[in-house]
Amino acid sequence: MQIKLNTGDTARPWYRHKRYWMPGAIVILAMFTLYIGGQITPNIPIFFLKTLIKLAPSDSDVIMAEGVSRLKDVAYIEGGRNNSTMDIYYPSAATESLPVVLWVHGGGWVLGDKEDITDYAMQLAERGFVVVSMNYALAPDAPYPTPVFQTNQALTYIQNHAKEFKGDPQKVFLAGNSAGAQIASQTAAIVTNQALAQLMNIQPSIQPEELRGVLLYCGPYNMSTVGESGFPLIRTFLWSYTGVKAFEEFPRLDEMSTVLQVTPNYPPAFITSGNHDPLTGQSVELAQTLKRLEVETETLFFTASTEKLGHDYQFQLQTDGGKRALEEAVRFLQEHSR
């Protein structure tokens, strides 16, 4: 008697097995959906990006530095948006009023959180500063210029409450990284450029002499050219923020371009970006513009460094570049707090 073996399962080519091609088909379908959807609305790629970030492992345990106190989730707009909150870090043992650094986080105007800079804020607080890390409404749900208005409102809160957390309302610095640097730099222009403030119908919350300086890390400052920088997803980010797919045609683009809005009254600036950051050219252009206006400007670009420093390198404090940027930023803050 002959026994016929069923060898069909092993003889079939791999591509005829569902366990092989089904996952691939799902990935291809997802990529196709992402591509097609991304041509219609920025919401789809932004949703995918936010989902990936949520799924990524993260270290959510925050260990407070010894000697640093934190006020968490302080609302800076009464009855405002639920994202109008700030975390405040200050030296616990301080006996005198200290300079205040208002920090605007990055994330392409669509991502990010005030807690992203917790470790960095504690580093600055340990060195004698009050650091206010603010949240703001994110695009595309809250497009331009919502974060700019919120930053001005955060400054109002600092003016009214700084003494409650050992801050000096007459010694304020604006700071930010990436998209937050753009928001911070534009807010500083509003404070020191009356024409821009009137154009945007904003009453600045502080006087120019109370704004002692700006720390600007890895930001975009010329919106008409940033699309050519090659920075990942920059066009999707600005489509989300402006509401215009061809964002270069956004009628308020010049308002957002700090290089066009700075005046000789702009506060002293410390501008830095990594030597492997696609946005570094934007920082160089802003620095050159300020220097032509004879605004006191310090820069750190690592053009001769062999260390590869990418976007937001400043927060990588284990690197030589990150350590140097922190040291120079602290020196800048100290010098302009006197």
C-alpha atoms as a PDB file:
ATOM      1  CA  MET A   1       0.000   0.000   0.000  1.00  0.00           C
ATOM      2  CA  GLN A   2       1.314   3.421  -0.968  1.00  0.00           C
ATOM      3  CA  ILE A   3       0.963   6.361   1.401  1.00  0.00           C
ATOM      4  CA  LYS A   4       0.749   9.739  -0.293  1.00  0.00           C
ATOM      5  CA  LEU A   5       2.273  12.489   1.808  1.00  0.00           C
ATOM      6  CA  ASN A   6       0.673  15.926   1.783  1.00  0.00           C
ATOM      7  CA  THR A   7       3.601  18.183   0.990  1.00  0.00           C
ATOM      8  CA  GLY A   8       1.572  21.099  -0.321  1.00  0.00           C
ATOM      9  CA  ASP A   9       2.329  23.334   2.665  1.00  0.00           C
ATOM     10  CA  THR A  10       6.067  23.067   2.282  1.00  0.00           C
ATOM     11  CA  ALA A  11       6.163  23.073  -1.500  1.00  0.00           C
ATOM     12  CA  ARG A  12       4.299  26.351  -1.949  1.00  0.00           C
ATOM     13  CA  PRO A  13       6.403  29.474  -2.547  1.00  0.00           C
ATOM     14  CA  TRP A  14       6.799  31.753   0.482  1.00  0.00           C
ATOM     15  CA  TYR A  15       4.671  34.471  -1.062  1.00  0.00           C
ATOM     16  CA  ARG A  16       1.634  32.161  -1.027  1.00  0.00           C
ATOM     17  CA  HIS A  17       1.737  31.810   2.758  1.00  0.00           C
ATOM     18  CA  LYS A  18      -0.508  34.315   4.520  1.00  0.00           C
ATOM     19  CA  ARG A  19       1.762  34.380   7.523  1.00  0.00           C
ATOM     20  CA  TYR A  20       4.435  35.932   5.297  1.00  0.00           C
ATOM     21  CA  TRP A  21       2.577  38.355   3.091  1.00  0.00           C
ATOM     22  CA  MET A  22      -0.195  39.558   5.389  1.00  0.00           C
ATOM     23  CA  PRO A  23       2.070  41.655   7.684  1.00  0.00           C
ATOM     24  CA  GLY A  24       3.804  43.094   4.654  1.00  0.00           C
ATOM     25  CA  ALA A  25       0.501  43.945   3.022  1.00  0.00           C
ATOM     26  CA  ILE A  26      -0.641  45.716   6.174  1.00  0.00           C
ATOM     27  CA  VAL A  27       2.563  47.765   6.301  1.00  0.00           C
ATOM     28  CA  ILE A  28       2.264  48.682   2.606  1.00  0.00           C
ATOM     29  CA  LEU A  29      -1.397  49.628   3.057  1.00  0.00           C
ATOM     30  CA  ALA A  30      -0.545  51.782   6.073  1.00  0.00           C
ATOM     31  CA  MET A  31       2.245  53.527   4.167  1.00  0.00           C
ATOM     32  CA  PHE A  32      -0.046  54.079   1.187  1.00  0.00           C
ATOM     33  CA  THR A  33      -2.766  55.495   3.436  1.00  0.00           C
ATOM     34  CA  LEU A  34      -0.220  57.733   5.138  1.00  0.00           C
ATOM     35  CA  TYR A  35       1.120  58.997   1.824  1.00  0.00           C
ATOM     36  CA  ILE A  36      -2.275  59.645   0.215  1.00  0.00           C
ATOM     37  CA  GLY A  37      -3.747  61.100   3.390  1.00  0.00           C
ATOM     38  CA  GLY A  38      -0.716  63.301   3.824  1.00  0.00           C
ATOM     39  CA  GLN A  39      -1.439  64.925   0.459  1.00  0.00           C
ATOM     40  CA  ILE A  40      -4.919  65.903   1.631  1.00  0.00           C
ATOM     41  CA  THR A  41      -4.470  66.900   5.261  1.00  0.00           C
ATOM     42  CA  PRO A  42      -1.573  67.166   7.720  1.00  0.00           C
ATOM     43  CA  ASN A  43      -3.742  65.552  10.399  1.00  0.00           C
ATOM     44  CA  ILE A  44      -3.062  61.998   9.228  1.00  0.00           C
ATOM     45  CA  PRO A  45       0.775  62.053   9.309  1.00  0.00           C
ATOM     46  CA  ILE A  46       0.663  64.035  12.569  1.00  0.00           C
ATOM     47  CA  PHE A  47      -1.679  61.411  14.061  1.00  0.00           C
ATOM     48  CA  PHE A  48       0.709  58.618  13.028  1.00  0.00           C
ATOM     49  CA  LEU A  49       3.651  60.528  14.480  1.00  0.00           C
ATOM     50  CA  LYS A  50       1.918  61.158  17.796  1.00  0.00           C
ATOM     51  CA  THR A  51       0.895  57.488  17.968  1.00  0.00           C
ATOM     52  CA  LEU A  52       4.479  56.322  17.407  1.00  0.00           C
ATOM     53  CA  ILE A  53       5.718  58.655  20.133  1.00  0.00           C
ATOM     54  CA  LYS A  54       3.098  57.371  22.568  1.00  0.00           C
ATOM     55  CA  LEU A  55       4.095  53.771  21.818  1.00  0.00           C
ATOM     56  CA  ALA A  56       7.798  54.471  22.257  1.00  0.00           C
ATOM     57  CA  PRO A  57       9.245  53.493  25.653  1.00  0.00           C
ATOM     58  CA  SER A  58       9.982  56.426  27.909  1.00  0.00           C
ATOM     59  CA  ASP A  59      11.399  57.048  31.333  1.00  0.00           C
ATOM     60  CA  SER A  60       8.565  58.839  33.074  1.00  0.00           C
ATOM     61  CA  ASP A  61      10.133  58.797  36.529  1.00  0.00           C
ATOM     62  CA  VAL A  62      11.373  62.251  37.407  1.00  0.00           C
ATOM     63  CA  ILE A  63      13.959  62.496  40.166  1.00  0.00           C
ATOM     64  CA  MET A  64      14.077  66.008  41.513  1.00  0.00           C
ATOM     65  CA  ALA A  65      17.526  67.455  41.998  1.00  0.00           C
ATOM     66  CA  GLU A  66      18.465  68.072  45.601  1.00  0.00           C
ATOM     67  CA  GLY A  67      17.877  71.696  46.509  1.00  0.00           C
ATOM     68  CA  VAL A  68      15.411  72.348  43.665  1.00  0.00           C
ATOM     69  CA  SER A  69      11.680  72.859  44.252  1.00  0.00           C
ATOM     70  CA  ARG A  70       9.002  72.456  41.600  1.00  0.00           C
ATOM     71  CA  LEU A  71       5.500  73.856  41.289  1.00  0.00           C
ATOM     72  CA  LYS A  72       3.679  71.604  38.840  1.00  0.00           C
ATOM     73  CA  ASP A  73       0.772  72.318  36.482  1.00  0.00           C
ATOM     74  CA  VAL A  74       0.308  75.957  37.450  1.00  0.00           C
ATOM     75  CA  ALA A  75      -2.428  77.552  35.312  1.00  0.00           C
ATOM     76  CA  TYR A  76      -1.224  80.792  33.779  1.00  0.00           C
ATOM     77  CA  ILE A  77      -4.577  81.731  32.210  1.00  0.00           C
ATOM     78  CA  GLU A  78      -7.595  81.814  34.481  1.00  0.00           C
ATOM     79  CA  GLY A  79     -10.362  79.834  32.834  1.00  0.00           C
ATOM     80  CA  GLY A  80      -8.145  79.291  29.799  1.00  0.00           C
ATOM     81  CA  ARG A  81      -7.247  76.220  27.812  1.00  0.00           C
ATOM     82  CA  ASN A  82      -6.364  73.090  29.752  1.00  0.00           C
ATOM     83  CA  ASN A  83      -2.928  73.246  28.130  1.00  0.00           C
ATOM     84  CA  SER A  84      -2.245  76.723  29.506  1.00  0.00           C
ATOM     85  CA  THR A  85      -0.132  75.378  32.350  1.00  0.00           C
ATOM     86  CA  MET A  86       3.458  75.691  33.464  1.00  0.00           C
ATOM     87  CA  ASP A  87       5.972  73.932  35.696  1.00  0.00           C
ATOM     88  CA  ILE A  88       8.169  76.197  37.798  1.00  0.00           C
ATOM     89  CA  TYR A  89      11.623  75.208  39.082  1.00  0.00           C
ATOM     90  CA  TYR A  90      13.617  77.267  41.567  1.00  0.00           C
ATOM     91  CA  PRO A  91      16.376  76.851  44.161  1.00  0.00           C
ATOM     92  CA  SER A  92      14.710  75.876  47.431  1.00  0.00           C
ATOM     93  CA  ALA A  93      17.125  77.793  49.627  1.00  0.00           C
ATOM     94  CA  ALA A  94      17.101  81.046  47.653  1.00  0.00           C
ATOM     95  CA  THR A  95      16.793  84.124  49.866  1.00  0.00           C
ATOM     96  CA  GLU A  96      16.714  86.772  47.155  1.00  0.00           C
ATOM     97  CA  SER A  97      14.829  87.318  43.925  1.00  0.00           C
ATOM     98  CA  LEU A  98      16.318  85.421  40.986  1.00  0.00           C
ATOM     99  CA  PRO A  99      16.244  85.881  37.186  1.00  0.00           C
ATOM    100  CA  VAL A 100      13.371  84.086  35.471  1.00  0.00           C
ATOM    101  CA  VAL A 101      13.775  81.991  32.309  1.00  0.00           C
ATOM    102  CA  LEU A 102      10.506  81.310  30.471  1.00  0.00           C
ATOM    103  CA  TRP A 103      11.067  78.207  28.348  1.00  0.00           C
ATOM    104  CA  VAL A 104       8.968  77.310  25.286  1.00  0.00           C
ATOM    105  CA  HIS A 105       9.341  73.630  24.355  1.00  0.00           C
ATOM    106  CA  GLY A 106       9.885  72.302  20.850  1.00  0.00           C
ATOM    107  CA  GLY A 107       8.013  69.732  18.775  1.00  0.00           C
ATOM    108  CA  GLY A 108       7.252  71.244  15.379  1.00  0.00           C
ATOM    109  CA  TRP A 109       4.315  73.239  16.796  1.00  0.00           C
ATOM    110  CA  VAL A 110       2.369  69.940  16.893  1.00  0.00           C
ATOM    111  CA  LEU A 111       4.127  67.879  19.591  1.00  0.00           C
ATOM    112  CA  GLY A 112       5.964  68.227  22.864  1.00  0.00           C
ATOM    113  CA  ASP A 113       5.279  69.005  26.488  1.00  0.00           C
ATOM    114  CA  LYS A 114       6.635  71.242  29.235  1.00  0.00           C
ATOM    115  CA  GLU A 115       8.068  68.166  30.964  1.00  0.00           C
ATOM    116  CA  ASP A 116      10.386  67.506  28.018  1.00  0.00           C
ATOM    117  CA  ILE A 117      12.944  69.904  29.500  1.00  0.00           C
ATOM    118  CA  THR A 118      12.614  68.832  33.152  1.00  0.00           C
ATOM    119  CA  ASP A 119      16.229  67.700  33.512  1.00  0.00           C
ATOM    120  CA  TYR A 120      17.548  70.821  31.793  1.00  0.00           C
ATOM    121  CA  ALA A 121      15.323  73.086  33.880  1.00  0.00           C
ATOM    122  CA  MET A 122      16.724  71.539  37.040  1.00  0.00           C
ATOM    123  CA  GLN A 123      20.264  72.124  35.781  1.00  0.00           C
ATOM    124  CA  LEU A 124      19.510  75.831  35.387  1.00  0.00           C
ATOM    125  CA  ALA A 125      17.670  76.016  38.714  1.00  0.00           C
ATOM    126  CA  GLU A 126      20.676  74.471  40.478  1.00  0.00           C
ATOM    127  CA  ARG A 127      22.745  77.312  39.062  1.00  0.00           C
ATOM    128  CA  GLY A 128      20.562  80.042  40.493  1.00  0.00           C
ATOM    129  CA  PHE A 129      17.660  80.666  38.099  1.00  0.00           C
ATOM    130  CA  VAL A 130      13.903  80.317  38.204  1.00  0.00           C
ATOM    131  CA  VAL A 131      12.835  78.257  35.168  1.00  0.00           C
ATOM    132  CA  VAL A 132       9.239  78.409  33.978  1.00  0.00           C
ATOM    133  CA  SER A 133       8.484  75.657  31.463  1.00  0.00           C
ATOM    134  CA  MET A 134       5.184  76.347  29.718  1.00  0.00           C
ATOM    135  CA  ASN A 135       2.736  74.299  27.723  1.00  0.00           C
ATOM    136  CA  TYR A 136       0.805  75.780  24.827  1.00  0.00           C
ATOM    137  CA  ALA A 137      -1.954  74.657  22.482  1.00  0.00           C
ATOM    138  CA  LEU A 138      -0.704  72.482  19.628  1.00  0.00           C
ATOM    139  CA  ALA A 139      -1.478  72.553  15.919  1.00  0.00           C
ATOM    140  CA  PRO A 140      -3.418  71.621  13.911  1.00  0.00           C
ATOM    141  CA  ASP A 141      -6.157  72.035  16.541  1.00  0.00           C
ATOM    142  CA  ALA A 142      -4.705  75.406  17.597  1.00  0.00           C
ATOM    143  CA  PRO A 143      -2.971  77.058  14.629  1.00  0.00           C
ATOM    144  CA  TYR A 144      -0.862  80.203  14.463  1.00  0.00           C
ATOM    145  CA  PRO A 145      -0.724  82.570  16.292  1.00  0.00           C
ATOM    146  CA  THR A 146      -2.216  80.848  19.370  1.00  0.00           C
ATOM    147  CA  PRO A 147       1.124  79.853  21.011  1.00  0.00           C
ATOM    148  CA  VAL A 148       2.461  83.396  20.616  1.00  0.00           C
ATOM    149  CA  PHE A 149      -0.526  84.849  22.477  1.00  0.00           C
ATOM    150  CA  GLN A 150      -0.124  82.183  25.150  1.00  0.00           C
ATOM    151  CA  THR A 151       3.559  83.005  25.606  1.00  0.00           C
ATOM    152  CA  ASN A 152       2.629  86.632  26.142  1.00  0.00           C
ATOM    153  CA  GLN A 153       0.011  85.505  28.682  1.00  0.00           C
ATOM    154  CA  ALA A 154       2.636  83.408  30.467  1.00  0.00           C
ATOM    155  CA  LEU A 155       4.760  86.541  30.721  1.00  0.00           C
ATOM    156  CA  THR A 156       1.787  88.320  32.310  1.00  0.00           C
ATOM    157  CA  TYR A 157       1.594  85.589  34.933  1.00  0.00           C
ATOM    158  CA  ILE A 158       5.302  85.909  35.650  1.00  0.00           C
ATOM    159  CA  GLN A 159       4.956  89.675  36.082  1.00  0.00           C
ATOM    160  CA  ASN A 160       2.113  89.219  38.555  1.00  0.00           C
ATOM    161  CA  HIS A 161       3.362  86.188  40.501  1.00  0.00           C
ATOM    162  CA  ALA A 162       7.157  85.951  40.162  1.00  0.00           C
ATOM    163  CA  LYS A 163       7.799  86.858  43.787  1.00  0.00           C
ATOM    164  CA  GLU A 164       5.726  83.861  44.894  1.00  0.00           C
ATOM    165  CA  PHE A 165       8.394  81.529  43.472  1.00  0.00           C
ATOM    166  CA  LYS A 166      11.438  83.719  44.223  1.00  0.00           C
ATOM    167  CA  GLY A 167      11.572  85.276  40.766  1.00  0.00           C
ATOM    168  CA  ASP A 168      12.475  88.816  39.768  1.00  0.00           C
ATOM    169  CA  PRO A 169       9.884  90.167  37.263  1.00  0.00           C
ATOM    170  CA  GLN A 170      12.383  92.781  36.074  1.00  0.00           C
ATOM    171  CA  LYS A 171      14.927  90.155  35.024  1.00  0.00           C
ATOM    172  CA  VAL A 172      13.170  87.910  32.511  1.00  0.00           C
ATOM    173  CA  PHE A 173      14.653  85.802  29.722  1.00  0.00           C
ATOM    174  CA  LEU A 174      12.771  84.118  26.889  1.00  0.00           C
ATOM    175  CA  ALA A 175      14.118  80.739  25.812  1.00  0.00           C
ATOM    176  CA  GLY A 176      13.116  77.887  23.571  1.00  0.00           C
ATOM    177  CA  ASN A 177      14.270  74.962  21.483  1.00  0.00           C
ATOM    178  CA  SER A 178      13.303  74.079  17.920  1.00  0.00           C
ATOM    179  CA  ALA A 179       9.754  75.345  17.213  1.00  0.00           C
ATOM    180  CA  GLY A 180       9.767  76.747  20.737  1.00  0.00           C
ATOM    181  CA  ALA A 181      12.766  78.876  19.795  1.00  0.00           C
ATOM    182  CA  GLN A 182      10.761  80.325  16.910  1.00  0.00           C
ATOM    183  CA  ILE A 183       7.880  81.154  19.256  1.00  0.00           C
ATOM    184  CA  ALA A 184      10.203  82.645  21.875  1.00  0.00           C
ATOM    185  CA  SER A 185      12.140  84.672  19.285  1.00  0.00           C
ATOM    186  CA  GLN A 186       8.923  86.067  17.785  1.00  0.00           C
ATOM    187  CA  THR A 187       7.598  86.979  21.234  1.00  0.00           C
ATOM    188  CA  ALA A 188      10.826  88.847  21.947  1.00  0.00           C
ATOM    189  CA  ALA A 189      10.340  90.730  18.676  1.00  0.00           C
ATOM    190  CA  ILE A 190       6.819  91.688  19.731  1.00  0.00           C
ATOM    191  CA  VAL A 191       8.149  93.093  23.024  1.00  0.00           C
ATOM    192  CA  THR A 192      10.786  95.191  21.256  1.00  0.00           C
ATOM    193  CA  ASN A 193       9.101  96.023  17.927  1.00  0.00           C
ATOM    194  CA  GLN A 194       6.013  98.181  18.414  1.00  0.00           C
ATOM    195  CA  ALA A 195       5.016  97.898  14.764  1.00  0.00           C
ATOM    196  CA  LEU A 196       4.861  94.088  14.988  1.00  0.00           C
ATOM    197  CA  ALA A 197       2.895  94.229  18.247  1.00  0.00           C
ATOM    198  CA  GLN A 198       0.359  96.559  16.624  1.00  0.00           C
ATOM    199  CA  LEU A 199       0.180  94.446  13.485  1.00  0.00           C
ATOM    200  CA  MET A 200      -0.630  91.354  15.566  1.00  0.00           C
ATOM    201  CA  ASN A 201      -2.865  93.302  17.953  1.00  0.00           C
ATOM    202  CA  ILE A 202      -0.873  92.191  20.986  1.00  0.00           C
ATOM    203  CA  GLN A 203      -0.123  94.290  24.026  1.00  0.00           C
ATOM    204  CA  PRO A 204       3.277  93.075  25.279  1.00  0.00           C
ATOM    205  CA  SER A 205       3.169  91.884  28.881  1.00  0.00           C
ATOM    206  CA  ILE A 206       6.594  93.257  29.789  1.00  0.00           C
ATOM    207  CA  GLN A 207       8.682  96.289  28.983  1.00  0.00           C
ATOM    208  CA  PRO A 208      11.710  95.929  26.687  1.00  0.00           C
ATOM    209  CA  GLU A 209      14.109  96.709  29.558  1.00  0.00           C
ATOM    210  CA  GLU A 210      12.600  93.865  31.633  1.00  0.00           C
ATOM    211  CA  LEU A 211      13.417  91.343  28.891  1.00  0.00           C
ATOM    212  CA  ARG A 212      17.115  90.821  29.569  1.00  0.00           C
ATOM    213  CA  GLY A 213      17.860  88.338  26.794  1.00  0.00           C
ATOM    214  CA  VAL A 214      16.912  85.280  24.756  1.00  0.00           C
ATOM    215  CA  LEU A 215      18.284  81.744  24.582  1.00  0.00           C
ATOM    216  CA  LEU A 216      17.499  80.315  21.150  1.00  0.00           C
ATOM    217  CA  TYR A 217      18.324  76.654  20.468  1.00  0.00           C
ATOM    218  CA  CYS A 218      18.067  75.069  17.014  1.00  0.00           C
ATOM    219  CA  GLY A 219      15.112  77.099  15.799  1.00  0.00           C
ATOM    220  CA  PRO A 220      13.685  78.186  12.426  1.00  0.00           C
ATOM    221  CA  TYR A 221      13.625  81.954  11.944  1.00  0.00           C
ATOM    222  CA  ASN A 222      13.057  82.541   8.225  1.00  0.00           C
ATOM    223  CA  MET A 223       9.790  80.893   7.260  1.00  0.00           C
ATOM    224  CA  SER A 224      10.185  81.631   3.551  1.00  0.00           C
ATOM    225  CA  THR A 225      13.330  79.478   3.296  1.00  0.00           C
ATOM    226  CA  VAL A 226      12.990  76.879   6.047  1.00  0.00           C
ATOM    227  CA  GLY A 227      11.154  74.513   3.699  1.00  0.00           C
ATOM    228  CA  GLU A 228      14.416  74.130   1.767  1.00  0.00           C
ATOM    229  CA  SER A 229      16.388  73.101   4.867  1.00  0.00           C
ATOM    230  CA  GLY A 230      15.652  69.398   4.495  1.00  0.00           C
ATOM    231  CA  PHE A 231      14.488  69.145   8.095  1.00  0.00           C
ATOM    232  CA  PRO A 232      12.245  66.050   8.414  1.00  0.00           C
ATOM    233  CA  LEU A 233       8.504  66.796   8.080  1.00  0.00           C
ATOM    234  CA  ILE A 234       9.049  70.564   8.215  1.00  0.00           C
ATOM    235  CA  ARG A 235       6.452  71.124   5.486  1.00  0.00           C
ATOM    236  CA  THR A 236       3.891  68.991   7.296  1.00  0.00           C
ATOM    237  CA  PHE A 237       4.586  70.829  10.545  1.00  0.00           C
ATOM    238  CA  LEU A 238       4.153  74.270   8.990  1.00  0.00           C
ATOM    239  CA  TRP A 239       1.085  73.153   7.048  1.00  0.00           C
ATOM    240  CA  SER A 240      -0.402  72.169  10.414  1.00  0.00           C
ATOM    241  CA  TYR A 241       0.628  75.430  12.081  1.00  0.00           C
ATOM    242  CA  THR A 242      -0.399  77.841   9.311  1.00  0.00           C
ATOM    243  CA  GLY A 243      -3.329  75.894   7.863  1.00  0.00           C
ATOM    244  CA  VAL A 244      -1.896  76.363   4.362  1.00  0.00           C
ATOM    245  CA  LYS A 245      -0.332  73.412   2.531  1.00  0.00           C
ATOM    246  CA  ALA A 246       1.968  75.646   0.484  1.00  0.00           C
ATOM    247  CA  PHE A 247       2.869  77.479   3.667  1.00  0.00           C
ATOM    248  CA  GLU A 248       5.142  79.915   1.819  1.00  0.00           C
ATOM    249  CA  GLU A 249       1.889  81.484   0.573  1.00  0.00           C
ATOM    250  CA  PHE A 250       0.555  82.021   4.100  1.00  0.00           C
ATOM    251  CA  PRO A 251      -0.282  85.757   4.252  1.00  0.00           C
ATOM    252  CA  ARG A 252       1.132  86.170   7.773  1.00  0.00           C
ATOM    253  CA  LEU A 253       4.429  84.419   7.083  1.00  0.00           C
ATOM    254  CA  ASP A 254       6.504  87.561   7.543  1.00  0.00           C
ATOM    255  CA  GLU A 255       5.159  87.959  11.094  1.00  0.00           C
ATOM    256  CA  MET A 256       6.581  84.546  11.956  1.00  0.00           C
ATOM    257  CA  SER A 257       9.981  85.235  10.404  1.00  0.00           C
ATOM    258  CA  THR A 258      12.079  86.661  13.209  1.00  0.00           C
ATOM    259  CA  VAL A 259      14.827  87.688  10.779  1.00  0.00           C
ATOM    260  CA  LEU A 260      12.353  90.196   9.323  1.00  0.00           C
ATOM    261  CA  GLN A 261      11.040  91.503  12.645  1.00  0.00           C
ATOM    262  CA  VAL A 262      14.129  92.171  14.748  1.00  0.00           C
ATOM    263  CA  THR A 263      15.176  95.768  15.397  1.00  0.00           C
ATOM    264  CA  PRO A 264      18.156  97.360  17.141  1.00  0.00           C
ATOM    265  CA  ASN A 265      16.040  97.160  20.317  1.00  0.00           C
ATOM    266  CA  TYR A 266      16.008  93.348  20.260  1.00  0.00           C
ATOM    267  CA  PRO A 267      17.389  91.901  23.522  1.00  0.00           C
ATOM    268  CA  PRO A 268      20.840  90.306  23.779  1.00  0.00           C
ATOM    269  CA  ALA A 269      20.789  86.849  22.208  1.00  0.00           C
ATOM    270  CA  PHE A 270      22.564  83.558  22.750  1.00  0.00           C
ATOM    271  CA  ILE A 271      22.010  81.471  19.612  1.00  0.00           C
ATOM    272  CA  THR A 272      23.238  77.924  19.138  1.00  0.00           C
ATOM    273  CA  SER A 273      22.653  74.939  16.873  1.00  0.00           C
ATOM    274  CA  GLY A 274      24.452  71.686  16.145  1.00  0.00           C
ATOM    275  CA  ASN A 275      26.883  71.151  13.273  1.00  0.00           C
ATOM    276  CA  HIS A 276      24.694  68.255  12.036  1.00  0.00           C
ATOM    277  CA  ASP A 277      21.348  70.026  12.381  1.00  0.00           C
ATOM    278  CA  PRO A 278      19.577  70.868   9.085  1.00  0.00           C
ATOM    279  CA  LEU A 279      18.243  74.038  10.720  1.00  0.00           C
ATOM    280  CA  THR A 280      21.642  75.494  11.638  1.00  0.00           C
ATOM    281  CA  GLY A 281      21.589  77.800   8.609  1.00  0.00           C
ATOM    282  CA  GLN A 282      18.503  79.433  10.094  1.00  0.00           C
ATOM    283  CA  SER A 283      20.368  80.214  13.314  1.00  0.00           C
ATOM    284  CA  VAL A 284      23.348  81.560  11.404  1.00  0.00           C
ATOM    285  CA  GLU A 285      21.092  83.894   9.399  1.00  0.00           C
ATOM    286  CA  LEU A 286      19.394  85.247  12.534  1.00  0.00           C
ATOM    287  CA  ALA A 287      22.730  85.805  14.244  1.00  0.00           C
ATOM    288  CA  GLN A 288      24.095  87.667  11.208  1.00  0.00           C
ATOM    289  CA  THR A 289      20.957  89.815  11.040  1.00  0.00           C
ATOM    290  CA  LEU A 290      21.221  90.762  14.710  1.00  0.00           C
ATOM    291  CA  LYS A 291      24.901  91.576  14.439  1.00  0.00           C
ATOM    292  CA  ARG A 292      24.222  93.882  11.475  1.00  0.00           C
ATOM    293  CA  LEU A 293      21.755  95.706  13.738  1.00  0.00           C
ATOM    294  CA  GLU A 294      24.452  95.843  16.423  1.00  0.00           C
ATOM    295  CA  VAL A 295      22.399  93.720  18.816  1.00  0.00           C
ATOM    296  CA  GLU A 296      24.630  91.958  21.327  1.00  0.00           C
ATOM    297  CA  THR A 297      24.761  88.395  20.023  1.00  0.00           C
ATOM    298  CA  GLU A 298      26.681  85.318  21.122  1.00  0.00           C
ATOM    299  CA  THR A 299      26.786  82.149  19.024  1.00  0.00           C
ATOM    300  CA  LEU A 300      27.842  78.537  19.352  1.00  0.00           C
ATOM    301  CA  PHE A 301      27.828  76.490  16.132  1.00  0.00           C
ATOM    302  CA  PHE A 302      30.740  73.985  16.466  1.00  0.00           C
ATOM    303  CA  THR A 303      31.937  74.538  12.906  1.00  0.00           C
ATOM    304  CA  ALA A 304      35.414  73.209  13.759  1.00  0.00           C
ATOM    305  CA  SER A 305      34.255  70.371  16.018  1.00  0.00           C
ATOM    306  CA  THR A 306      34.661  66.686  15.148  1.00  0.00           C
ATOM    307  CA  GLU A 307      31.725  65.842  17.417  1.00  0.00           C
ATOM    308  CA  LYS A 308      28.508  65.320  15.447  1.00  0.00           C
ATOM    309  CA  LEU A 309      25.849  67.410  17.144  1.00  0.00           C
ATOM    310  CA  GLY A 310      22.332  67.142  15.782  1.00  0.00           C
ATOM    311  CA  HIS A 311      19.022  68.821  16.455  1.00  0.00           C
ATOM    312  CA  ASP A 312      18.455  69.745  20.124  1.00  0.00           C
ATOM    313  CA  TYR A 313      21.949  68.526  20.993  1.00  0.00           C
ATOM    314  CA  GLN A 314      21.892  70.855  24.008  1.00  0.00           C
ATOM    315  CA  PHE A 315      19.872  68.397  26.070  1.00  0.00           C
ATOM    316  CA  GLN A 316      22.448  65.627  25.646  1.00  0.00           C
ATOM    317  CA  LEU A 317      24.446  66.652  28.667  1.00  0.00           C
ATOM    318  CA  GLN A 318      26.698  63.596  28.487  1.00  0.00           C
ATOM    319  CA  THR A 319      28.315  65.044  25.344  1.00  0.00           C
ATOM    320  CA  ASP A 320      31.054  67.646  25.318  1.00  0.00           C
ATOM    321  CA  GLY A 321      28.910  69.871  23.127  1.00  0.00           C
ATOM    322  CA  GLY A 322      25.935  69.658  25.464  1.00  0.00           C
ATOM    323  CA  LYS A 323      28.110  70.476  28.481  1.00  0.00           C
ATOM    324  CA  ARG A 324      29.699  73.433  26.722  1.00  0.00           C
ATOM    325  CA  ALA A 325      26.341  74.841  25.610  1.00  0.00           C
ATOM    326  CA  LEU A 326      25.034  74.671  29.179  1.00  0.00           C
ATOM    327  CA  GLU A 327      28.118  76.417  30.553  1.00  0.00           C
ATOM    328  CA  GLU A 328      27.945  79.205  27.979  1.00  0.00           C
ATOM    329  CA  ALA A 329      24.186  79.636  28.418  1.00  0.00           C
ATOM    330  CA  VAL A 330      24.604  79.982  32.193  1.00  0.00           C
ATOM    331  CA  ARG A 331      27.392  82.510  31.726  1.00  0.00           C
ATOM    332  CA  PHE A 332      25.181  84.479  29.314  1.00  0.00           C
ATOM    333  CA  LEU A 333      22.284  84.473  31.793  1.00  0.00           C
ATOM    334  CA  GLN A 334      24.512  85.550  34.643  1.00  0.00           C
ATOM    335  CA  GLU A 335      26.095  88.350  32.647  1.00  0.00           C
ATOM    336  CA  HIS A 336      22.777  89.841  31.586  1.00  0.00           C
ATOM    337  CA  SER A 337      21.150  89.460  34.995  1.00  0.00           C
ATOM    338  CA  ARG A 338      23.430  92.037  36.597  1.00  0.00           C
END
